[in-house]
Protein backbone atom coordinates (compact mmCIF):
# COMPACT_ATOMS: atom_id res chain seq x y z
CA UNK A 1 0.00 0.00 0.00
CA UNK A 2 1.30 3.47 -0.88
CA UNK A 3 0.37 6.27 1.51
CA UNK A 4 0.55 9.68 -0.15
CA UNK A 5 1.64 11.46 3.03
CA UNK A 6 4.70 9.20 3.32
CA UNK A 7 5.71 9.11 -0.39
CA UNK A 8 9.33 9.88 -1.23
CA UNK A 9 11.17 10.07 -4.55
CA UNK A 10 13.45 7.04 -4.86
CA UNK A 11 14.94 7.66 -8.31
CA UNK A 12 16.07 10.82 -10.13
CA UNK A 13 13.46 12.73 -12.12
CA UNK A 14 14.94 13.20 -15.59
CA UNK A 15 11.71 14.19 -17.35
CA UNK A 16 10.58 10.68 -18.34
CA UNK A 17 7.40 8.94 -17.29
CA UNK A 18 7.81 6.75 -14.21
CA UNK A 19 5.14 4.77 -12.45
CA UNK A 20 5.10 1.14 -13.51
CA UNK A 21 7.19 -0.16 -10.67
CA UNK A 22 7.70 -3.40 -8.76
CA UNK A 23 8.31 -3.88 -5.06
CA UNK A 24 10.03 -6.90 -3.51
CA UNK A 25 10.28 -7.46 0.24
CA UNK A 26 13.66 -9.22 0.39
CA UNK A 27 13.35 -9.74 4.14
CA UNK A 28 11.96 -7.82 7.11
CA UNK A 29 14.90 -5.37 7.01
CA UNK A 30 15.17 -4.73 3.25
CA UNK A 31 12.86 -3.87 0.33
CA UNK A 32 13.77 -3.32 -3.33
CA UNK A 33 11.85 -1.11 -5.79
CA UNK A 34 12.49 -1.31 -9.55
CA UNK A 35 11.25 0.97 -12.33
CA UNK A 36 12.33 2.31 -15.71
CA UNK A 37 12.06 5.54 -17.67
CA UNK A 38 9.26 5.56 -20.23
CA UNK A 39 10.48 7.28 -23.36
CA UNK A 40 7.09 7.95 -25.01
CA UNK A 41 7.53 11.72 -24.68
CA UNK A 42 9.92 13.35 -27.14
CA UNK A 43 10.82 16.09 -24.66
CA UNK A 44 11.96 13.56 -21.99
CA UNK A 45 15.41 13.23 -23.59
CA UNK A 46 16.01 16.97 -23.43
CA UNK A 47 15.86 16.74 -19.61
CA UNK A 48 18.33 13.83 -19.51
CA UNK A 49 16.12 10.73 -19.74
CA UNK A 50 17.49 7.87 -21.81
CA UNK A 51 15.42 4.79 -20.88
CA UNK A 52 17.33 3.95 -17.68
CA UNK A 53 16.29 1.05 -15.44
CA UNK A 54 16.47 1.83 -11.71
CA UNK A 55 16.70 -0.37 -8.63
CA UNK A 56 16.28 1.33 -5.25
CA UNK A 57 17.23 -0.51 -2.07
CA UNK A 58 15.39 0.42 1.14
CA UNK A 59 16.87 -0.63 4.46
CA UNK A 60 14.43 -0.28 7.35
CA UNK A 61 15.35 1.02 10.83
CA UNK A 62 12.65 -1.24 12.29
CA UNK A 63 11.39 -4.55 10.89
CA UNK A 64 9.07 -3.97 7.94
CA UNK A 65 5.52 -4.82 9.05
CA UNK A 66 4.60 -5.83 5.46
CA UNK A 67 6.96 -8.79 5.84
CA UNK A 68 4.50 -10.36 8.31
CA UNK A 69 1.83 -10.50 5.59
CA UNK A 70 3.58 -13.30 3.66
PDB file of N, CA and C in Angstrom:
ATOM      1  N   UNK A   1       0.849  -1.170   0.000  1.00  0.00           N
ATOM      2  CA  UNK A   1       0.000   0.000   0.000  1.00  0.00           C
ATOM      3  C   UNK A   1       0.897   1.236   0.000  1.00  0.00           C
ATOM      4  N   UNK A   2       0.569   2.204  -0.829  1.00  0.00           N
ATOM      5  CA  UNK A   2       1.298   3.471  -0.881  1.00  0.00           C
ATOM      6  C   UNK A   2       0.455   4.530  -0.174  1.00  0.00           C
ATOM      7  N   UNK A   3       1.039   5.188   0.788  1.00  0.00           N
ATOM      8  CA  UNK A   3       0.366   6.267   1.509  1.00  0.00           C
ATOM      9  C   UNK A   3       0.933   7.589   1.030  1.00  0.00           C
ATOM     10  N   UNK A   4       0.088   8.427   0.443  1.00  0.00           N
ATOM     11  CA  UNK A   4       0.546   9.679  -0.154  1.00  0.00           C
ATOM     12  C   UNK A   4       1.354  10.532   0.819  1.00  0.00           C
ATOM     13  N   UNK A   5       0.947  10.591   2.079  1.00  0.00           N
ATOM     14  CA  UNK A   5       1.644  11.464   3.027  1.00  0.00           C
ATOM     15  C   UNK A   5       3.043  10.964   3.383  1.00  0.00           C
ATOM     16  N   UNK A   6       3.366   9.723   3.035  1.00  0.00           N
ATOM     17  CA  UNK A   6       4.703   9.199   3.320  1.00  0.00           C
ATOM     18  C   UNK A   6       5.519   8.957   2.047  1.00  0.00           C
ATOM     19  N   UNK A   7       4.991   9.329   0.874  1.00  0.00           N
ATOM     20  CA  UNK A   7       5.711   9.105  -0.386  1.00  0.00           C
ATOM     21  C   UNK A   7       7.026   9.869  -0.413  1.00  0.00           C
ATOM     22  N   UNK A   8       8.038   9.251  -1.015  1.00  0.00           N
ATOM     23  CA  UNK A   8       9.332   9.880  -1.228  1.00  0.00           C
ATOM     24  C   UNK A   8       9.820   9.503  -2.622  1.00  0.00           C
ATOM     25  N   UNK A   9      10.572  10.391  -3.261  1.00  0.00           N
ATOM     26  CA  UNK A   9      11.167  10.068  -4.552  1.00  0.00           C
ATOM     27  C   UNK A   9      12.350   9.143  -4.315  1.00  0.00           C
ATOM     28  N   UNK A  10      12.369   8.021  -5.025  1.00  0.00           N
ATOM     29  CA  UNK A  10      13.447   7.040  -4.861  1.00  0.00           C
ATOM     30  C   UNK A  10      14.455   7.076  -5.995  1.00  0.00           C
ATOM     31  N   UNK A  11      14.051   7.607  -7.139  1.00  0.00           N
ATOM     32  CA  UNK A  11      14.938   7.657  -8.309  1.00  0.00           C
ATOM     33  C   UNK A  11      14.945   9.073  -8.863  1.00  0.00           C
ATOM     34  N   UNK A  12      15.991   9.457  -9.583  1.00  0.00           N
ATOM     35  CA  UNK A  12      16.068  10.819 -10.132  1.00  0.00           C
ATOM     36  C   UNK A  12      14.962  11.092 -11.147  1.00  0.00           C
ATOM     37  N   UNK A  13      14.467  12.314 -11.152  1.00  0.00           N
ATOM     38  CA  UNK A  13      13.462  12.734 -12.123  1.00  0.00           C
ATOM     39  C   UNK A  13      14.182  13.402 -13.287  1.00  0.00           C
ATOM     40  N   UNK A  14      14.254  12.695 -14.399  1.00  0.00           N
ATOM     41  CA  UNK A  14      14.943  13.199 -15.590  1.00  0.00           C
ATOM     42  C   UNK A  14      13.963  13.561 -16.699  1.00  0.00           C
ATOM     43  N   UNK A  15      12.698  13.770 -16.366  1.00  0.00           N
ATOM     44  CA  UNK A  15      11.712  14.189 -17.347  1.00  0.00           C
ATOM     45  C   UNK A  15      10.937  13.067 -18.017  1.00  0.00           C
ATOM     46  N   UNK A  16      11.280  11.824 -17.728  1.00  0.00           N
ATOM     47  CA  UNK A  16      10.583  10.683 -18.337  1.00  0.00           C
ATOM     48  C   UNK A  16       9.397  10.272 -17.476  1.00  0.00           C
ATOM     49  N   UNK A  17       8.499   9.493 -18.056  1.00  0.00           N
ATOM     50  CA  UNK A  17       7.397   8.939 -17.295  1.00  0.00           C
ATOM     51  C   UNK A  17       7.920   7.812 -16.415  1.00  0.00           C
ATOM     52  N   UNK A  18       7.521   7.827 -15.157  1.00  0.00           N
ATOM     53  CA  UNK A  18       7.807   6.748 -14.213  1.00  0.00           C
ATOM     54  C   UNK A  18       6.472   6.324 -13.619  1.00  0.00           C
ATOM     55  N   UNK A  19       6.388   5.155 -13.105  1.00  0.00           N
ATOM     56  CA  UNK A  19       5.144   4.775 -12.453  1.00  0.00           C
ATOM     57  C   UNK A  19       4.881   3.290 -12.465  1.00  0.00           C
ATOM     58  N   UNK A  20       5.216   2.589 -13.527  1.00  0.00           N
ATOM     59  CA  UNK A  20       5.099   1.137 -13.512  1.00  0.00           C
ATOM     60  C   UNK A  20       6.300   0.611 -12.761  1.00  0.00           C
ATOM     61  N   UNK A  21       6.082   0.250 -11.515  1.00  0.00           N
ATOM     62  CA  UNK A  21       7.188  -0.162 -10.668  1.00  0.00           C
ATOM     63  C   UNK A  21       6.866  -1.498 -10.016  1.00  0.00           C
ATOM     64  N   UNK A  22       7.879  -2.150  -9.495  1.00  0.00           N
ATOM     65  CA  UNK A  22       7.699  -3.404  -8.765  1.00  0.00           C
ATOM     66  C   UNK A  22       8.374  -3.276  -7.410  1.00  0.00           C
ATOM     67  N   UNK A  23       7.787  -3.913  -6.420  1.00  0.00           N
ATOM     68  CA  UNK A  23       8.306  -3.881  -5.058  1.00  0.00           C
ATOM     69  C   UNK A  23       8.530  -5.317  -4.595  1.00  0.00           C
ATOM     70  N   UNK A  24       9.713  -5.575  -4.023  1.00  0.00           N
ATOM     71  CA  UNK A  24      10.035  -6.904  -3.508  1.00  0.00           C
ATOM     72  C   UNK A  24      10.507  -6.751  -2.063  1.00  0.00           C
ATOM     73  N   UNK A  25       9.819  -7.398  -1.142  1.00  0.00           N
ATOM     74  CA  UNK A  25      10.283  -7.456   0.242  1.00  0.00           C
ATOM     75  C   UNK A  25      11.305  -8.584   0.318  1.00  0.00           C
ATOM     76  N   UNK A  26      12.579  -8.228   0.359  1.00  0.00           N
ATOM     77  CA  UNK A  26      13.659  -9.216   0.392  1.00  0.00           C
ATOM     78  C   UNK A  26      13.644  -9.952   1.731  1.00  0.00           C
ATOM     79  N   UNK A  27      13.516  -9.193   2.795  1.00  0.00           N
ATOM     80  CA  UNK A  27      13.350  -9.736   4.139  1.00  0.00           C
ATOM     81  C   UNK A  27      12.746  -8.631   4.990  1.00  0.00           C
ATOM     82  N   UNK A  28      12.633  -8.831   6.283  1.00  0.00           N
ATOM     83  CA  UNK A  28      11.963  -7.819   7.112  1.00  0.00           C
ATOM     84  C   UNK A  28      12.779  -6.544   7.292  1.00  0.00           C
ATOM     85  N   UNK A  29      14.044  -6.552   6.883  1.00  0.00           N
ATOM     86  CA  UNK A  29      14.904  -5.374   7.008  1.00  0.00           C
ATOM     87  C   UNK A  29      15.159  -4.674   5.681  1.00  0.00           C
ATOM     88  N   UNK A  30      14.788  -5.284   4.544  1.00  0.00           N
ATOM     89  CA  UNK A  30      15.171  -4.734   3.246  1.00  0.00           C
ATOM     90  C   UNK A  30      14.063  -4.923   2.200  1.00  0.00           C
ATOM     91  N   UNK A  31      13.823  -3.855   1.424  1.00  0.00           N
ATOM     92  CA  UNK A  31      12.857  -3.867   0.326  1.00  0.00           C
ATOM     93  C   UNK A  31      13.524  -3.278  -0.900  1.00  0.00           C
ATOM     94  N   UNK A  32      13.249  -3.841  -2.067  1.00  0.00           N
ATOM     95  CA  UNK A  32      13.767  -3.319  -3.333  1.00  0.00           C
ATOM     96  C   UNK A  32      12.601  -2.796  -4.163  1.00  0.00           C
ATOM     97  N   UNK A  33      12.828  -1.685  -4.860  1.00  0.00           N
ATOM     98  CA  UNK A  33      11.850  -1.112  -5.785  1.00  0.00           C
ATOM     99  C   UNK A  33      12.545  -0.950  -7.137  1.00  0.00           C
ATOM    100  N   UNK A  34      11.931  -1.454  -8.203  1.00  0.00           N
ATOM    101  CA  UNK A  34      12.487  -1.313  -9.548  1.00  0.00           C
ATOM    102  C   UNK A  34      11.509  -0.552 -10.427  1.00  0.00           C
ATOM    103  N   UNK A  35      12.053   0.228 -11.367  1.00  0.00           N
ATOM    104  CA  UNK A  35      11.249   0.969 -12.328  1.00  0.00           C
ATOM    105  C   UNK A  35      12.139   1.323 -13.517  1.00  0.00           C
ATOM    106  N   UNK A  36      11.544   1.864 -14.554  1.00  0.00           N
ATOM    107  CA  UNK A  36      12.330   2.308 -15.713  1.00  0.00           C
ATOM    108  C   UNK A  36      11.716   3.577 -16.279  1.00  0.00           C
ATOM    109  N   UNK A  37      12.526   4.303 -17.044  1.00  0.00           N
ATOM    110  CA  UNK A  37      12.061   5.542 -17.670  1.00  0.00           C
ATOM    111  C   UNK A  37      11.287   5.212 -18.939  1.00  0.00           C
ATOM    112  N   UNK A  38      10.045   5.682 -19.013  1.00  0.00           N
ATOM    113  CA  UNK A  38       9.256   5.556 -20.229  1.00  0.00           C
ATOM    114  C   UNK A  38       9.636   6.666 -21.193  1.00  0.00           C
ATOM    115  N   UNK A  39       9.961   6.299 -22.410  1.00  0.00           N
ATOM    116  CA  UNK A  39      10.480   7.284 -23.364  1.00  0.00           C
ATOM    117  C   UNK A  39       9.436   7.660 -24.421  1.00  0.00           C
ATOM    118  N   UNK A  40       8.151   7.606 -24.082  1.00  0.00           N
ATOM    119  CA  UNK A  40       7.092   7.952 -25.014  1.00  0.00           C
ATOM    120  C   UNK A  40       6.987   9.436 -25.315  1.00  0.00           C
ATOM    121  N   UNK A  41       7.569  10.268 -24.483  1.00  0.00           N
ATOM    122  CA  UNK A  41       7.527  11.718 -24.676  1.00  0.00           C
ATOM    123  C   UNK A  41       8.823  12.175 -25.338  1.00  0.00           C
ATOM    124  N   UNK A  42       8.718  12.873 -26.441  1.00  0.00           N
ATOM    125  CA  UNK A  42       9.922  13.351 -27.139  1.00  0.00           C
ATOM    126  C   UNK A  42      10.748  14.287 -26.273  1.00  0.00           C
ATOM    127  N   UNK A  43      10.093  15.109 -25.458  1.00  0.00           N
ATOM    128  CA  UNK A  43      10.824  16.092 -24.657  1.00  0.00           C
ATOM    129  C   UNK A  43      11.561  15.468 -23.468  1.00  0.00           C
ATOM    130  N   UNK A  44      11.294  14.206 -23.134  1.00  0.00           N
ATOM    131  CA  UNK A  44      11.956  13.565 -21.991  1.00  0.00           C
ATOM    132  C   UNK A  44      13.471  13.563 -22.162  1.00  0.00           C
ATOM    133  N   UNK A  45      13.965  13.289 -23.355  1.00  0.00           N
ATOM    134  CA  UNK A  45      15.410  13.226 -23.591  1.00  0.00           C
ATOM    135  C   UNK A  45      16.086  14.575 -23.365  1.00  0.00           C
ATOM    136  N   UNK A  46      15.380  15.655 -23.604  1.00  0.00           N
ATOM    137  CA  UNK A  46      16.008  16.967 -23.425  1.00  0.00           C
ATOM    138  C   UNK A  46      16.273  17.274 -21.955  1.00  0.00           C
ATOM    139  N   UNK A  47      15.616  16.566 -21.045  1.00  0.00           N
ATOM    140  CA  UNK A  47      15.859  16.736 -19.609  1.00  0.00           C
ATOM    141  C   UNK A  47      16.821  15.676 -19.061  1.00  0.00           C
ATOM    142  N   UNK A  48      17.325  14.799 -19.936  1.00  0.00           N
ATOM    143  CA  UNK A  48      18.327  13.830 -19.506  1.00  0.00           C
ATOM    144  C   UNK A  48      17.870  12.392 -19.460  1.00  0.00           C
ATOM    145  N   UNK A  49      16.605  12.121 -19.752  1.00  0.00           N
ATOM    146  CA  UNK A  49      16.121  10.732 -19.744  1.00  0.00           C
ATOM    147  C   UNK A  49      16.690   9.974 -20.936  1.00  0.00           C
ATOM    148  N   UNK A  50      16.979   8.680 -20.711  1.00  0.00           N
ATOM    149  CA  UNK A  50      17.491   7.865 -21.806  1.00  0.00           C
ATOM    150  C   UNK A  50      17.019   6.411 -21.740  1.00  0.00           C
ATOM    151  N   UNK A  51      15.953   6.152 -20.991  1.00  0.00           N
ATOM    152  CA  UNK A  51      15.423   4.792 -20.880  1.00  0.00           C
ATOM    153  C   UNK A  51      16.073   3.976 -19.776  1.00  0.00           C
ATOM    154  N   UNK A  52      16.647   4.642 -18.779  1.00  0.00           N
ATOM    155  CA  UNK A  52      17.328   3.951 -17.679  1.00  0.00           C
ATOM    156  C   UNK A  52      16.387   2.982 -16.953  1.00  0.00           C
ATOM    157  N   UNK A  53      16.976   1.956 -16.364  1.00  0.00           N
ATOM    158  CA  UNK A  53      16.289   1.055 -15.439  1.00  0.00           C
ATOM    159  C   UNK A  53      16.888   1.323 -14.061  1.00  0.00           C
ATOM    160  N   UNK A  54      16.023   1.509 -13.068  1.00  0.00           N
ATOM    161  CA  UNK A  54      16.473   1.828 -11.714  1.00  0.00           C
ATOM    162  C   UNK A  54      16.125   0.702 -10.747  1.00  0.00           C
ATOM    163  N   UNK A  55      16.974   0.511  -9.771  1.00  0.00           N
ATOM    164  CA  UNK A  55      16.702  -0.370  -8.630  1.00  0.00           C
ATOM    165  C   UNK A  55      17.043   0.422  -7.372  1.00  0.00           C
ATOM    166  N   UNK A  56      16.065   0.616  -6.509  1.00  0.00           N
ATOM    167  CA  UNK A  56      16.277   1.334  -5.250  1.00  0.00           C
ATOM    168  C   UNK A  56      16.202   0.326  -4.108  1.00  0.00           C
ATOM    169  N   UNK A  57      17.154   0.400  -3.213  1.00  0.00           N
ATOM    170  CA  UNK A  57      17.227  -0.511  -2.066  1.00  0.00           C
ATOM    171  C   UNK A  57      16.851   0.267  -0.810  1.00  0.00           C
ATOM    172  N   UNK A  58      15.829  -0.200  -0.107  1.00  0.00           N
ATOM    173  CA  UNK A  58      15.392   0.423   1.142  1.00  0.00           C
ATOM    174  C   UNK A  58      15.805  -0.471   2.297  1.00  0.00           C
ATOM    175  N   UNK A  59      16.497   0.092   3.259  1.00  0.00           N
ATOM    176  CA  UNK A  59      16.872  -0.633   4.463  1.00  0.00           C
ATOM    177  C   UNK A  59      16.119   0.014   5.617  1.00  0.00           C
ATOM    178  N   UNK A  60      15.323  -0.786   6.316  1.00  0.00           N
ATOM    179  CA  UNK A  60      14.431  -0.277   7.352  1.00  0.00           C
ATOM    180  C   UNK A  60      15.133  -0.190   8.706  1.00  0.00           C
ATOM    181  N   UNK A  61      14.841   0.871   9.459  1.00  0.00           N
ATOM    182  CA  UNK A  61      15.347   1.020  10.829  1.00  0.00           C
ATOM    183  C   UNK A  61      14.697  -0.007  11.761  1.00  0.00           C
ATOM    184  N   UNK A  62      13.405  -0.258  11.518  1.00  0.00           N
ATOM    185  CA  UNK A  62      12.647  -1.235  12.294  1.00  0.00           C
ATOM    186  C   UNK A  62      12.181  -2.318  11.325  1.00  0.00           C
ATOM    187  N   UNK A  63      11.894  -3.510  11.797  1.00  0.00           N
ATOM    188  CA  UNK A  63      11.394  -4.545  10.891  1.00  0.00           C
ATOM    189  C   UNK A  63      10.172  -4.064  10.106  1.00  0.00           C
ATOM    190  N   UNK A  64      10.151  -4.362   8.825  1.00  0.00           N
ATOM    191  CA  UNK A  64       9.074  -3.971   7.935  1.00  0.00           C
ATOM    192  C   UNK A  64       7.826  -4.779   8.275  1.00  0.00           C
ATOM    193  N   UNK A  65       6.746  -4.111   8.656  1.00  0.00           N
ATOM    194  CA  UNK A  65       5.522  -4.817   9.049  1.00  0.00           C
ATOM    195  C   UNK A  65       4.879  -5.554   7.878  1.00  0.00           C
ATOM    196  N   UNK A  66       5.148  -5.131   6.627  1.00  0.00           N
ATOM    197  CA  UNK A  66       4.598  -5.826   5.465  1.00  0.00           C
ATOM    198  C   UNK A  66       5.157  -7.232   5.359  1.00  0.00           C
ATOM    199  N   UNK A  67       6.339  -7.470   5.913  1.00  0.00           N
ATOM    200  CA  UNK A  67       6.964  -8.785   5.843  1.00  0.00           C
ATOM    201  C   UNK A  67       6.095  -9.833   6.542  1.00  0.00           C
ATOM    202  N   UNK A  68       5.353  -9.429   7.558  1.00  0.00           N
ATOM    203  CA  UNK A  68       4.504 -10.362   8.307  1.00  0.00           C
ATOM    204  C   UNK A  68       3.288 -10.805   7.516  1.00  0.00           C
ATOM    205  N   UNK A  69       3.007 -10.174   6.391  1.00  0.00           N
ATOM    206  CA  UNK A  69       1.827 -10.499   5.585  1.00  0.00           C
ATOM    207  C   UNK A  69       2.054 -11.714   4.698  1.00  0.00           C
ATOM    208  N   UNK A  70       3.282 -12.207   4.587  1.00  0.00           N
ATOM    209  CA  UNK A  70       3.581 -13.301   3.656  1.00  0.00           C
ATOM    210  C   UNK A  70       3.095 -14.616   4.160  1.00  0.00           C
TER     211      UNK A  70
END
